[in-house]
Amino acid sequence: SPHGTMVLSTMAADITGEYLGTAPKANYALYLTEDITKETWTEEDNWIAAAERADSIGADVCNTSLGYTEMDDPSFSHTYSDMDGNTLLISIAADIAASKGMLMVNSAGNSGQADWFHIGAPADGDSVLAIGACDVDGFMAPFSSRGPSADGEVKPNVTAPGWNVAVISDHGVFE
């Protein structure tokens, strides 16, 4: 997806004299778990399977730039009280992966200006490092989802530049 390409570029890109990601020499395993045509629990199951696969090949870090809150069928949507790090299977799985030694890094979400402005799962996981977006001067991005988690844990744990920053898209370097 274009979003995945842009996120990966912030880490892996190495275009001499033009763009350098934060970890261009790292090894990456990419897993597509999202079905952009619908929002169902299947996507969370896909994410859990990908995290298990990443663990099985020895991944040290799992970086995820998605989160789950609302489903197409509202009766399956998550509630804010679900965002306690211990209720949703995807969050429990993220914490299990962390207990096995994998650093779990997750976007806080992009819902800061929506009716649902809270973090999504698995960013609510107790052992998940939830990352909010800011600009290069440290000002919080208005779209960045907010905490705390339902059990009062400070989320996002940290912020990083993710607003008005250069990334690579399918159209080249883009700011």
C-alpha atoms as a PDB file:
ATOM      1  CA  SER A   1       0.000   0.000   0.000  1.00  0.00           C
ATOM      2  CA  PRO A   2       1.164   3.580  -0.435  1.00  0.00           C
ATOM      3  CA  HIS A   3       0.999   4.063   3.348  1.00  0.00           C
ATOM      4  CA  GLY A   4       3.170   1.007   3.963  1.00  0.00           C
ATOM      5  CA  THR A   5       5.697   2.218   1.400  1.00  0.00           C
ATOM      6  CA  MET A   6       5.912   5.607   3.089  1.00  0.00           C
ATOM      7  CA  VAL A   7       6.327   4.094   6.566  1.00  0.00           C
ATOM      8  CA  LEU A   8       8.955   1.623   5.380  1.00  0.00           C
ATOM      9  CA  SER A   9      10.848   4.447   3.658  1.00  0.00           C
ATOM     10  CA  THR A  10      11.377   6.230   6.960  1.00  0.00           C
ATOM     11  CA  MET A  11      13.345   3.194   8.108  1.00  0.00           C
ATOM     12  CA  ALA A  12      14.798   1.353   5.127  1.00  0.00           C
ATOM     13  CA  ALA A  13      15.370   3.900   2.350  1.00  0.00           C
ATOM     14  CA  ASP A  14      18.886   4.668   1.149  1.00  0.00           C
ATOM     15  CA  ILE A  15      18.932   6.917  -1.896  1.00  0.00           C
ATOM     16  CA  THR A  16      22.429   8.391  -2.018  1.00  0.00           C
ATOM     17  CA  GLY A  17      22.382  12.149  -1.603  1.00  0.00           C
ATOM     18  CA  GLU A  18      18.605  12.326  -1.531  1.00  0.00           C
ATOM     19  CA  TYR A  19      17.017  10.323   1.287  1.00  0.00           C
ATOM     20  CA  LEU A  20      18.264   8.179   4.150  1.00  0.00           C
ATOM     21  CA  GLY A  21      16.005   6.224   6.473  1.00  0.00           C
ATOM     22  CA  THR A  22      16.803   5.603  10.126  1.00  0.00           C
ATOM     23  CA  ALA A  23      17.897   1.960   9.659  1.00  0.00           C
ATOM     24  CA  PRO A  24      18.807   1.342   6.016  1.00  0.00           C
ATOM     25  CA  LYS A  25      21.136  -1.590   6.797  1.00  0.00           C
ATOM     26  CA  ALA A  26      18.572  -3.560   8.822  1.00  0.00           C
ATOM     27  CA  ASN A  27      16.914  -6.691   7.460  1.00  0.00           C
ATOM     28  CA  TYR A  28      13.161  -6.427   6.957  1.00  0.00           C
ATOM     29  CA  ALA A  29      10.391  -9.000   6.697  1.00  0.00           C
ATOM     30  CA  LEU A  30       7.164  -7.508   5.369  1.00  0.00           C
ATOM     31  CA  TYR A  31       3.724  -8.911   6.127  1.00  0.00           C
ATOM     32  CA  LEU A  32       0.487  -7.699   4.576  1.00  0.00           C
ATOM     33  CA  THR A  33      -2.322  -8.252   7.068  1.00  0.00           C
ATOM     34  CA  GLU A  34      -4.752  -5.513   6.105  1.00  0.00           C
ATOM     35  CA  ASP A  35      -7.691  -5.952   3.719  1.00  0.00           C
ATOM     36  CA  ILE A  36      -8.473  -2.405   2.632  1.00  0.00           C
ATOM     37  CA  THR A  37     -11.916  -3.433   1.346  1.00  0.00           C
ATOM     38  CA  LYS A  38     -13.306  -4.201   4.789  1.00  0.00           C
ATOM     39  CA  GLU A  39     -12.751  -3.985   8.547  1.00  0.00           C
ATOM     40  CA  THR A  40     -13.239  -7.314  10.316  1.00  0.00           C
ATOM     41  CA  TRP A  41     -11.624  -9.311  13.096  1.00  0.00           C
ATOM     42  CA  THR A  42      -9.940 -11.391  10.379  1.00  0.00           C
ATOM     43  CA  GLU A  43      -7.430  -8.586   9.922  1.00  0.00           C
ATOM     44  CA  GLU A  44      -6.494  -8.829  13.594  1.00  0.00           C
ATOM     45  CA  ASP A  45      -6.084 -12.595  13.196  1.00  0.00           C
ATOM     46  CA  ASN A  46      -3.862 -11.951  10.161  1.00  0.00           C
ATOM     47  CA  TRP A  47      -1.737  -9.574  12.267  1.00  0.00           C
ATOM     48  CA  ILE A  48      -1.380 -12.191  15.022  1.00  0.00           C
ATOM     49  CA  ALA A  49      -0.270 -14.781  12.444  1.00  0.00           C
ATOM     50  CA  ALA A  50       2.265 -12.299  11.012  1.00  0.00           C
ATOM     51  CA  ALA A  51       3.648 -11.514  14.473  1.00  0.00           C
ATOM     52  CA  GLU A  52       4.020 -15.247  15.154  1.00  0.00           C
ATOM     53  CA  ARG A  53       5.806 -15.692  11.816  1.00  0.00           C
ATOM     54  CA  ALA A  54       8.098 -12.730  12.547  1.00  0.00           C
ATOM     55  CA  ASP A  55       8.973 -14.273  15.904  1.00  0.00           C
ATOM     56  CA  SER A  56       9.660 -17.641  14.268  1.00  0.00           C
ATOM     57  CA  ILE A  57      12.247 -16.118  11.919  1.00  0.00           C
ATOM     58  CA  GLY A  58      13.968 -14.253  14.749  1.00  0.00           C
ATOM     59  CA  ALA A  59      12.680 -10.712  14.297  1.00  0.00           C
ATOM     60  CA  ASP A  60      13.860  -8.354  17.032  1.00  0.00           C
ATOM     61  CA  VAL A  61      11.367  -5.559  16.324  1.00  0.00           C
ATOM     62  CA  CYS A  62       7.794  -5.574  15.084  1.00  0.00           C
ATOM     63  CA  ASN A  63       6.729  -2.192  13.712  1.00  0.00           C
ATOM     64  CA  THR A  64       3.032  -1.807  12.957  1.00  0.00           C
ATOM     65  CA  SER A  65       1.362   1.215  11.453  1.00  0.00           C
ATOM     66  CA  LEU A  66      -2.261   0.287  11.922  1.00  0.00           C
ATOM     67  CA  GLY A  67      -4.748  -0.102  14.703  1.00  0.00           C
ATOM     68  CA  TYR A  68      -8.190  -1.524  15.182  1.00  0.00           C
ATOM     69  CA  THR A  69     -11.234   0.133  16.706  1.00  0.00           C
ATOM     70  CA  GLU A  70     -14.327   0.156  14.477  1.00  0.00           C
ATOM     71  CA  MET A  71     -15.481  -2.768  12.350  1.00  0.00           C
ATOM     72  CA  ASP A  72     -17.865  -2.788   9.388  1.00  0.00           C
ATOM     73  CA  ASP A  73     -20.422  -4.554  11.565  1.00  0.00           C
ATOM     74  CA  PRO A  74     -20.791  -2.160  14.531  1.00  0.00           C
ATOM     75  CA  SER A  75     -21.648  -5.059  16.852  1.00  0.00           C
ATOM     76  CA  PHE A  76     -18.038  -6.236  16.417  1.00  0.00           C
ATOM     77  CA  SER A  77     -16.450  -2.823  16.994  1.00  0.00           C
ATOM     78  CA  HIS A  78     -14.210  -2.314  19.978  1.00  0.00           C
ATOM     79  CA  THR A  79     -15.037   0.066  22.774  1.00  0.00           C
ATOM     80  CA  TYR A  80     -12.768   2.389  24.675  1.00  0.00           C
ATOM     81  CA  SER A  81     -13.060   0.088  27.697  1.00  0.00           C
ATOM     82  CA  ASP A  82     -11.609  -2.691  25.478  1.00  0.00           C
ATOM     83  CA  MET A  83      -8.434  -0.593  25.101  1.00  0.00           C
ATOM     84  CA  ASP A  84      -7.016  -1.747  28.448  1.00  0.00           C
ATOM     85  CA  GLY A  85      -4.190  -3.832  26.977  1.00  0.00           C
ATOM     86  CA  ASN A  86      -5.659  -7.066  28.326  1.00  0.00           C
ATOM     87  CA  THR A  87      -8.973  -7.594  26.546  1.00  0.00           C
ATOM     88  CA  LEU A  88      -8.442  -7.804  22.792  1.00  0.00           C
ATOM     89  CA  LEU A  89      -6.661 -10.815  21.304  1.00  0.00           C
ATOM     90  CA  ILE A  90      -4.406  -8.647  19.126  1.00  0.00           C
ATOM     91  CA  SER A  91      -3.189  -6.709  22.172  1.00  0.00           C
ATOM     92  CA  ILE A  92      -2.685  -9.877  24.203  1.00  0.00           C
ATOM     93  CA  ALA A  93      -0.707 -11.361  21.283  1.00  0.00           C
ATOM     94  CA  ALA A  94       1.450  -8.222  21.084  1.00  0.00           C
ATOM     95  CA  ASP A  95       2.234  -8.507  24.787  1.00  0.00           C
ATOM     96  CA  ILE A  96       3.098 -12.205  24.364  1.00  0.00           C
ATOM     97  CA  ALA A  97       5.471 -11.317  21.513  1.00  0.00           C
ATOM     98  CA  ALA A  98       7.080  -8.700  23.771  1.00  0.00           C
ATOM     99  CA  SER A  99       7.472 -11.290  26.533  1.00  0.00           C
ATOM    100  CA  LYS A 100       9.441 -13.410  24.058  1.00  0.00           C
ATOM    101  CA  GLY A 101      11.859 -10.526  23.518  1.00  0.00           C
ATOM    102  CA  MET A 102      10.452  -8.756  20.471  1.00  0.00           C
ATOM    103  CA  LEU A 103      10.190  -4.962  20.725  1.00  0.00           C
ATOM    104  CA  MET A 104       6.607  -4.171  19.755  1.00  0.00           C
ATOM    105  CA  VAL A 105       6.254  -0.711  18.209  1.00  0.00           C
ATOM    106  CA  ASN A 106       2.841   0.486  17.074  1.00  0.00           C
ATOM    107  CA  SER A 107       1.343   3.656  15.723  1.00  0.00           C
ATOM    108  CA  ALA A 108      -0.983   5.293  18.215  1.00  0.00           C
ATOM    109  CA  GLY A 109      -3.346   5.813  15.272  1.00  0.00           C
ATOM    110  CA  ASN A 110      -4.566   8.539  12.968  1.00  0.00           C
ATOM    111  CA  SER A 111      -7.926   9.265  14.574  1.00  0.00           C
ATOM    112  CA  GLY A 112      -7.057  12.325  16.664  1.00  0.00           C
ATOM    113  CA  GLN A 113      -9.614  14.475  14.856  1.00  0.00           C
ATOM    114  CA  ALA A 114     -12.359  11.837  14.651  1.00  0.00           C
ATOM    115  CA  ASP A 115     -15.189  11.006  17.031  1.00  0.00           C
ATOM    116  CA  TRP A 116     -13.019   8.071  18.099  1.00  0.00           C
ATOM    117  CA  PHE A 117      -9.797   9.926  18.937  1.00  0.00           C
ATOM    118  CA  HIS A 118      -8.280   7.252  21.182  1.00  0.00           C
ATOM    119  CA  ILE A 119      -5.493   4.818  20.444  1.00  0.00           C
ATOM    120  CA  GLY A 120      -6.422   1.553  18.764  1.00  0.00           C
ATOM    121  CA  ALA A 121      -5.412  -2.041  19.358  1.00  0.00           C
ATOM    122  CA  PRO A 122      -2.678  -3.279  19.654  1.00  0.00           C
ATOM    123  CA  ALA A 123      -1.214   0.111  20.688  1.00  0.00           C
ATOM    124  CA  ASP A 124      -3.057  -0.337  23.984  1.00  0.00           C
ATOM    125  CA  GLY A 125      -0.926  -3.361  24.878  1.00  0.00           C
ATOM    126  CA  ASP A 126       0.871  -3.025  28.198  1.00  0.00           C
ATOM    127  CA  SER A 127       4.204  -3.950  26.582  1.00  0.00           C
ATOM    128  CA  VAL A 128       3.627  -2.143  23.272  1.00  0.00           C
ATOM    129  CA  LEU A 129       5.514   1.065  22.594  1.00  0.00           C
ATOM    130  CA  ALA A 130       2.778   3.310  21.173  1.00  0.00           C
ATOM    131  CA  ILE A 131       4.112   6.089  18.951  1.00  0.00           C
ATOM    132  CA  GLY A 132       2.264   9.339  18.376  1.00  0.00           C
ATOM    133  CA  ALA A 133       3.018  11.650  15.472  1.00  0.00           C
ATOM    134  CA  CYS A 134       4.509  15.109  15.784  1.00  0.00           C
ATOM    135  CA  ASP A 135       6.179  17.536  13.400  1.00  0.00           C
ATOM    136  CA  VAL A 136       9.935  18.112  13.281  1.00  0.00           C
ATOM    137  CA  ASP A 137       9.574  20.828  15.945  1.00  0.00           C
ATOM    138  CA  GLY A 138       7.842  18.433  18.360  1.00  0.00           C
ATOM    139  CA  PHE A 139       4.283  19.759  17.975  1.00  0.00           C
ATOM    140  CA  MET A 140       1.686  17.002  18.209  1.00  0.00           C
ATOM    141  CA  ALA A 141       0.010  16.189  14.891  1.00  0.00           C
ATOM    142  CA  PRO A 142      -3.711  16.916  15.099  1.00  0.00           C
ATOM    143  CA  PHE A 143      -4.522  13.560  13.477  1.00  0.00           C
ATOM    144  CA  SER A 144      -2.459  11.535  15.971  1.00  0.00           C
ATOM    145  CA  SER A 145      -4.610   9.378  18.238  1.00  0.00           C
ATOM    146  CA  ARG A 146      -4.622  10.067  21.943  1.00  0.00           C
ATOM    147  CA  GLY A 147      -4.451   8.123  25.169  1.00  0.00           C
ATOM    148  CA  PRO A 148      -4.508   7.158  27.877  1.00  0.00           C
ATOM    149  CA  SER A 149      -5.412   3.499  27.536  1.00  0.00           C
ATOM    150  CA  ALA A 150      -8.646   2.484  29.276  1.00  0.00           C
ATOM    151  CA  ASP A 151      -6.675   1.252  32.292  1.00  0.00           C
ATOM    152  CA  GLY A 152      -4.930   4.624  32.640  1.00  0.00           C
ATOM    153  CA  GLU A 153      -1.576   3.786  31.009  1.00  0.00           C
ATOM    154  CA  VAL A 154       0.134   6.756  29.361  1.00  0.00           C
ATOM    155  CA  LYS A 155      -0.280   6.374  25.599  1.00  0.00           C
ATOM    156  CA  PRO A 156       1.247   7.270  23.269  1.00  0.00           C
ATOM    157  CA  ASN A 157       4.472   6.449  25.083  1.00  0.00           C
ATOM    158  CA  VAL A 158       6.551   8.688  22.815  1.00  0.00           C
ATOM    159  CA  THR A 159       6.099  10.824  19.741  1.00  0.00           C
ATOM    160  CA  ALA A 160       8.214  10.887  16.612  1.00  0.00           C
ATOM    161  CA  PRO A 161       8.150  12.998  13.454  1.00  0.00           C
ATOM    162  CA  GLY A 162       5.269  11.796  11.330  1.00  0.00           C
ATOM    163  CA  TRP A 163       3.653  15.022  10.196  1.00  0.00           C
ATOM    164  CA  ASN A 164       5.046  17.232   7.425  1.00  0.00           C
ATOM    165  CA  VAL A 165       8.093  14.999   7.040  1.00  0.00           C
ATOM    166  CA  ALA A 166       9.712  13.645   3.890  1.00  0.00           C
ATOM    167  CA  VAL A 167       8.839  10.094   2.909  1.00  0.00           C
ATOM    168  CA  ILE A 168       9.089   8.037  -0.237  1.00  0.00           C
ATOM    169  CA  SER A 169       5.931   7.191  -2.089  1.00  0.00           C
ATOM    170  CA  ASP A 170       5.275   5.564  -5.432  1.00  0.00           C
ATOM    171  CA  HIS A 171       5.817   9.053  -6.881  1.00  0.00           C
ATOM    172  CA  GLY A 172       9.352   9.465  -5.438  1.00  0.00           C
ATOM    173  CA  VAL A 173      10.403  11.571  -2.439  1.00  0.00           C
ATOM    174  CA  PHE A 174       7.361  13.326  -1.053  1.00  0.00           C
ATOM    175  CA  GLU A 175       7.004  15.854   1.761  1.00  0.00           C
END
